[in-house]
Amino acid sequence: MCKVLKRDGSIVNFDRTKIENAIRNANRDVEGSEKADEDTIKKIVDSIETESDLSVEKIQDEVEFNLMKHKKFKLAKMYITYRYKHQLERENYKTLMSKVRREAYSI
């Protein structure tokens, strides 16, 4: 089974449903032929699952590449936007937690 290096350094089993759901979430924001059908989503995830030495970032890069390879440019843009928003949320959370820790130690 394929393994994935997470951002926190832990290693977990590859979970195709996470990628499928991320693509489906981005799919909600596009219309018509720009949507990825279930067969295209399966092909994208299948191609990623065959990779070795996966990290979360590499998986996301591969999703973007494969969406564009399948000519789903608007969907790729939505996925990139989705990815960027989650990155900002992670950074904001880290900043907030850092401030909370500093405040807790200054009491």
N, C-alpha and C. Protein backbone atom coordinates (compact mmCIF):
# COMPACT_ATOMS: atom_id res chain seq x y z
N MET A 1 0.84 -1.19 0.00
CA MET A 1 0.00 0.00 0.00
C MET A 1 0.88 1.25 0.00
N CYS A 2 0.45 2.24 -0.73
CA CYS A 2 1.14 3.51 -0.87
C CYS A 2 1.08 4.28 0.46
N LYS A 3 2.17 4.94 0.82
CA LYS A 3 2.25 5.74 2.04
C LYS A 3 2.37 7.22 1.69
N VAL A 4 1.90 8.07 2.61
CA VAL A 4 1.92 9.51 2.39
C VAL A 4 2.57 10.19 3.59
N LEU A 5 3.50 11.09 3.32
CA LEU A 5 4.12 11.91 4.35
C LEU A 5 3.26 13.14 4.55
N LYS A 6 2.70 13.28 5.75
CA LYS A 6 1.84 14.42 6.05
C LYS A 6 2.68 15.63 6.45
N ARG A 7 2.05 16.78 6.52
CA ARG A 7 2.76 18.02 6.86
C ARG A 7 3.37 17.97 8.25
N ASP A 8 2.75 17.23 9.16
CA ASP A 8 3.26 17.15 10.54
C ASP A 8 4.38 16.13 10.69
N GLY A 9 4.77 15.49 9.59
CA GLY A 9 5.85 14.52 9.61
C GLY A 9 5.41 13.08 9.79
N SER A 10 4.15 12.87 10.08
CA SER A 10 3.67 11.49 10.25
C SER A 10 3.47 10.85 8.87
N ILE A 11 3.49 9.53 8.87
CA ILE A 11 3.30 8.77 7.64
C ILE A 11 2.02 7.95 7.79
N VAL A 12 1.15 8.09 6.81
CA VAL A 12 -0.15 7.41 6.84
C VAL A 12 -0.37 6.66 5.53
N ASN A 13 -1.34 5.75 5.55
CA ASN A 13 -1.73 5.05 4.33
C ASN A 13 -2.40 6.02 3.37
N PHE A 14 -2.18 5.83 2.09
CA PHE A 14 -2.82 6.62 1.05
C PHE A 14 -4.33 6.44 1.15
N ASP A 15 -5.06 7.54 1.15
CA ASP A 15 -6.52 7.50 1.24
C ASP A 15 -7.10 8.23 0.03
N ARG A 16 -7.49 7.46 -0.96
CA ARG A 16 -7.97 8.04 -2.22
C ARG A 16 -9.22 8.88 -2.02
N THR A 17 -10.02 8.59 -1.01
CA THR A 17 -11.26 9.35 -0.82
C THR A 17 -10.98 10.81 -0.50
N LYS A 18 -9.86 11.09 0.14
CA LYS A 18 -9.53 12.49 0.45
C LYS A 18 -9.31 13.28 -0.84
N ILE A 19 -8.63 12.68 -1.80
CA ILE A 19 -8.37 13.36 -3.08
C ILE A 19 -9.67 13.48 -3.87
N GLU A 20 -10.42 12.39 -3.91
CA GLU A 20 -11.69 12.42 -4.63
C GLU A 20 -12.60 13.51 -4.08
N ASN A 21 -12.68 13.61 -2.76
CA ASN A 21 -13.55 14.62 -2.14
C ASN A 21 -13.04 16.04 -2.40
N ALA A 22 -11.74 16.23 -2.41
CA ALA A 22 -11.19 17.56 -2.69
C ALA A 22 -11.53 17.98 -4.12
N ILE A 23 -11.42 17.05 -5.07
CA ILE A 23 -11.76 17.37 -6.45
C ILE A 23 -13.26 17.63 -6.57
N ARG A 24 -14.06 16.81 -5.91
CA ARG A 24 -15.52 17.02 -5.95
C ARG A 24 -15.90 18.37 -5.35
N ASN A 25 -15.23 18.77 -4.27
CA ASN A 25 -15.52 20.08 -3.66
C ASN A 25 -15.21 21.21 -4.64
N ALA A 26 -14.08 21.12 -5.33
CA ALA A 26 -13.74 22.14 -6.33
C ALA A 26 -14.70 22.07 -7.51
N ASN A 27 -15.16 20.89 -7.82
CA ASN A 27 -16.09 20.66 -8.93
C ASN A 27 -17.40 21.45 -8.76
N ARG A 28 -17.78 21.70 -7.53
CA ARG A 28 -19.03 22.43 -7.26
C ARG A 28 -19.01 23.84 -7.82
N ASP A 29 -17.81 24.38 -7.98
CA ASP A 29 -17.68 25.78 -8.39
C ASP A 29 -17.50 25.97 -9.90
N VAL A 30 -17.62 24.90 -10.67
CA VAL A 30 -17.52 25.01 -12.13
C VAL A 30 -18.75 24.39 -12.78
N GLU A 31 -18.94 24.73 -14.04
CA GLU A 31 -20.14 24.25 -14.74
C GLU A 31 -19.77 23.56 -16.04
N GLY A 32 -20.70 22.78 -16.53
CA GLY A 32 -20.61 22.17 -17.86
C GLY A 32 -19.42 21.28 -18.05
N SER A 33 -18.77 21.44 -19.19
CA SER A 33 -17.67 20.55 -19.58
C SER A 33 -16.43 20.73 -18.71
N GLU A 34 -16.39 21.79 -17.91
CA GLU A 34 -15.25 21.99 -17.02
C GLU A 34 -15.31 21.09 -15.80
N LYS A 35 -16.47 20.53 -15.51
CA LYS A 35 -16.59 19.60 -14.39
C LYS A 35 -15.87 18.30 -14.73
N ALA A 36 -15.29 17.68 -13.72
CA ALA A 36 -14.69 16.36 -13.89
C ALA A 36 -15.75 15.31 -13.55
N ASP A 37 -15.98 14.40 -14.47
CA ASP A 37 -16.93 13.33 -14.18
C ASP A 37 -16.23 12.29 -13.29
N GLU A 38 -17.00 11.35 -12.80
CA GLU A 38 -16.46 10.36 -11.86
C GLU A 38 -15.35 9.53 -12.49
N ASP A 39 -15.45 9.25 -13.78
CA ASP A 39 -14.40 8.48 -14.44
C ASP A 39 -13.09 9.26 -14.48
N THR A 40 -13.17 10.55 -14.76
CA THR A 40 -11.96 11.39 -14.78
C THR A 40 -11.35 11.48 -13.39
N ILE A 41 -12.19 11.65 -12.37
CA ILE A 41 -11.69 11.71 -10.99
C ILE A 41 -10.98 10.41 -10.65
N LYS A 42 -11.58 9.28 -11.02
CA LYS A 42 -10.96 7.97 -10.75
C LYS A 42 -9.62 7.86 -11.46
N LYS A 43 -9.54 8.28 -12.72
CA LYS A 43 -8.29 8.21 -13.48
C LYS A 43 -7.20 9.06 -12.82
N ILE A 44 -7.58 10.25 -12.36
CA ILE A 44 -6.62 11.14 -11.71
C ILE A 44 -6.07 10.49 -10.44
N VAL A 45 -6.97 9.98 -9.62
CA VAL A 45 -6.54 9.37 -8.35
C VAL A 45 -5.73 8.10 -8.63
N ASP A 46 -6.15 7.31 -9.61
CA ASP A 46 -5.40 6.10 -9.97
C ASP A 46 -3.96 6.43 -10.36
N SER A 47 -3.80 7.51 -11.14
CA SER A 47 -2.45 7.87 -11.59
C SER A 47 -1.58 8.33 -10.42
N ILE A 48 -2.18 8.97 -9.44
CA ILE A 48 -1.43 9.44 -8.28
C ILE A 48 -1.08 8.27 -7.37
N GLU A 49 -2.00 7.34 -7.24
CA GLU A 49 -1.81 6.20 -6.34
C GLU A 49 -0.63 5.31 -6.78
N THR A 50 -0.26 5.38 -8.04
CA THR A 50 0.86 4.57 -8.53
C THR A 50 2.22 5.19 -8.20
N GLU A 51 2.22 6.45 -7.76
CA GLU A 51 3.46 7.14 -7.41
C GLU A 51 4.04 6.56 -6.12
N SER A 52 5.32 6.80 -5.93
CA SER A 52 5.94 6.41 -4.66
C SER A 52 6.48 7.67 -3.99
N ASP A 53 6.80 7.56 -2.73
CA ASP A 53 7.32 8.70 -1.96
C ASP A 53 6.42 9.92 -2.07
N LEU A 54 5.18 9.74 -1.69
CA LEU A 54 4.21 10.83 -1.78
C LEU A 54 4.22 11.69 -0.53
N SER A 55 4.05 12.97 -0.74
CA SER A 55 3.78 13.91 0.35
C SER A 55 2.46 14.59 0.01
N VAL A 56 1.87 15.23 0.98
CA VAL A 56 0.62 15.94 0.73
C VAL A 56 0.81 16.97 -0.38
N GLU A 57 1.89 17.71 -0.33
CA GLU A 57 2.15 18.73 -1.35
C GLU A 57 2.32 18.11 -2.74
N LYS A 58 3.04 17.01 -2.82
CA LYS A 58 3.23 16.34 -4.12
C LYS A 58 1.89 15.84 -4.66
N ILE A 59 1.05 15.29 -3.80
CA ILE A 59 -0.27 14.84 -4.22
C ILE A 59 -1.06 16.01 -4.80
N GLN A 60 -1.06 17.12 -4.10
CA GLN A 60 -1.81 18.29 -4.56
C GLN A 60 -1.25 18.82 -5.89
N ASP A 61 0.07 18.81 -6.03
CA ASP A 61 0.67 19.22 -7.30
C ASP A 61 0.23 18.28 -8.43
N GLU A 62 0.21 16.99 -8.14
CA GLU A 62 -0.20 16.00 -9.14
C GLU A 62 -1.67 16.17 -9.53
N VAL A 63 -2.53 16.49 -8.55
CA VAL A 63 -3.94 16.73 -8.86
C VAL A 63 -4.05 17.90 -9.83
N GLU A 64 -3.36 19.00 -9.54
CA GLU A 64 -3.38 20.16 -10.42
C GLU A 64 -2.91 19.80 -11.83
N PHE A 65 -1.77 19.10 -11.90
CA PHE A 65 -1.21 18.70 -13.20
C PHE A 65 -2.21 17.84 -13.97
N ASN A 66 -2.80 16.86 -13.30
CA ASN A 66 -3.73 15.95 -13.97
C ASN A 66 -5.02 16.65 -14.39
N LEU A 67 -5.50 17.59 -13.60
CA LEU A 67 -6.70 18.34 -14.01
C LEU A 67 -6.42 19.10 -15.31
N MET A 68 -5.25 19.71 -15.39
CA MET A 68 -4.89 20.44 -16.61
C MET A 68 -4.66 19.47 -17.78
N LYS A 69 -4.07 18.32 -17.49
CA LYS A 69 -3.85 17.31 -18.53
C LYS A 69 -5.19 16.85 -19.13
N HIS A 70 -6.22 16.82 -18.29
CA HIS A 70 -7.56 16.44 -18.74
C HIS A 70 -8.36 17.66 -19.24
N LYS A 71 -7.65 18.78 -19.42
CA LYS A 71 -8.23 20.02 -19.95
C LYS A 71 -9.37 20.57 -19.09
N LYS A 72 -9.22 20.43 -17.79
CA LYS A 72 -10.19 20.95 -16.82
C LYS A 72 -9.56 22.19 -16.17
N PHE A 73 -9.32 23.23 -17.00
CA PHE A 73 -8.56 24.39 -16.56
C PHE A 73 -9.29 25.20 -15.49
N LYS A 74 -10.59 25.41 -15.65
CA LYS A 74 -11.34 26.15 -14.63
C LYS A 74 -11.40 25.36 -13.33
N LEU A 75 -11.56 24.06 -13.45
CA LEU A 75 -11.57 23.21 -12.26
C LEU A 75 -10.21 23.24 -11.58
N ALA A 76 -9.15 23.22 -12.37
CA ALA A 76 -7.80 23.32 -11.79
C ALA A 76 -7.65 24.63 -11.04
N LYS A 77 -8.19 25.71 -11.60
CA LYS A 77 -8.13 27.02 -10.93
C LYS A 77 -8.89 26.97 -9.60
N MET A 78 -10.06 26.35 -9.60
CA MET A 78 -10.84 26.22 -8.37
C MET A 78 -10.10 25.38 -7.34
N TYR A 79 -9.46 24.30 -7.80
CA TYR A 79 -8.70 23.44 -6.90
C TYR A 79 -7.51 24.21 -6.31
N ILE A 80 -6.82 24.98 -7.14
CA ILE A 80 -5.69 25.78 -6.67
C ILE A 80 -6.16 26.80 -5.64
N THR A 81 -7.30 27.43 -5.91
CA THR A 81 -7.87 28.39 -4.97
C THR A 81 -8.23 27.70 -3.66
N TYR A 82 -8.87 26.55 -3.75
CA TYR A 82 -9.23 25.74 -2.57
C TYR A 82 -7.98 25.41 -1.76
N ARG A 83 -6.94 24.99 -2.47
CA ARG A 83 -5.67 24.63 -1.81
C ARG A 83 -5.07 25.85 -1.12
N TYR A 84 -5.08 26.99 -1.78
CA TYR A 84 -4.51 28.22 -1.23
C TYR A 84 -5.27 28.68 0.01
N LYS A 85 -6.60 28.61 -0.05
CA LYS A 85 -7.41 29.01 1.11
C LYS A 85 -7.09 28.14 2.32
N HIS A 86 -6.92 26.86 2.11
CA HIS A 86 -6.59 25.97 3.22
C HIS A 86 -5.18 26.24 3.76
N GLN A 87 -4.28 26.61 2.89
CA GLN A 87 -2.93 26.98 3.33
C GLN A 87 -2.99 28.21 4.22
N LEU A 88 -3.78 29.22 3.81
CA LEU A 88 -3.93 30.42 4.63
C LEU A 88 -4.55 30.10 5.98
N GLU A 89 -5.54 29.21 5.99
CA GLU A 89 -6.18 28.82 7.24
C GLU A 89 -5.17 28.15 8.17
N ARG A 90 -4.32 27.27 7.62
CA ARG A 90 -3.29 26.62 8.45
C ARG A 90 -2.32 27.64 9.02
N GLU A 91 -1.90 28.60 8.19
CA GLU A 91 -0.97 29.62 8.65
C GLU A 91 -1.60 30.50 9.72
N ASN A 92 -2.86 30.89 9.53
CA ASN A 92 -3.56 31.70 10.53
C ASN A 92 -3.71 30.94 11.85
N TYR A 93 -3.98 29.64 11.76
CA TYR A 93 -4.12 28.82 12.96
C TYR A 93 -2.79 28.75 13.70
N LYS A 94 -1.68 28.55 12.97
CA LYS A 94 -0.36 28.50 13.60
C LYS A 94 -0.04 29.82 14.30
N THR A 95 -0.35 30.93 13.62
CA THR A 95 -0.10 32.25 14.20
C THR A 95 -0.92 32.44 15.47
N LEU A 96 -2.19 32.08 15.41
CA LEU A 96 -3.07 32.21 16.57
C LEU A 96 -2.56 31.37 17.73
N MET A 97 -2.21 30.13 17.47
CA MET A 97 -1.75 29.24 18.54
C MET A 97 -0.43 29.73 19.13
N SER A 98 0.42 30.31 18.30
CA SER A 98 1.67 30.87 18.79
C SER A 98 1.39 32.03 19.75
N LYS A 99 0.42 32.87 19.40
CA LYS A 99 0.05 33.99 20.28
C LYS A 99 -0.56 33.49 21.58
N VAL A 100 -1.39 32.48 21.49
CA VAL A 100 -2.01 31.91 22.69
C VAL A 100 -0.94 31.35 23.62
N ARG A 101 0.04 30.63 23.07
CA ARG A 101 1.11 30.07 23.89
C ARG A 101 1.92 31.17 24.57
N ARG A 102 2.24 32.24 23.80
CA ARG A 102 3.00 33.34 24.39
C ARG A 102 2.23 33.99 25.53
N GLU A 103 0.92 34.18 25.33
CA GLU A 103 0.08 34.77 26.38
C GLU A 103 -0.01 33.87 27.59
N ALA A 104 -0.11 32.57 27.37
CA ALA A 104 -0.22 31.63 28.48
C ALA A 104 1.06 31.62 29.31
N TYR A 105 2.20 31.75 28.68
CA TYR A 105 3.45 31.74 29.42
C TYR A 105 3.77 33.07 30.07
N SER A 106 3.12 34.15 29.65
CA SER A 106 3.42 35.46 30.23
C SER A 106 2.56 35.75 31.45
N ILE A 107 1.63 34.87 31.75
CA ILE A 107 0.73 35.10 32.91
C ILE A 107 1.45 34.75 34.19
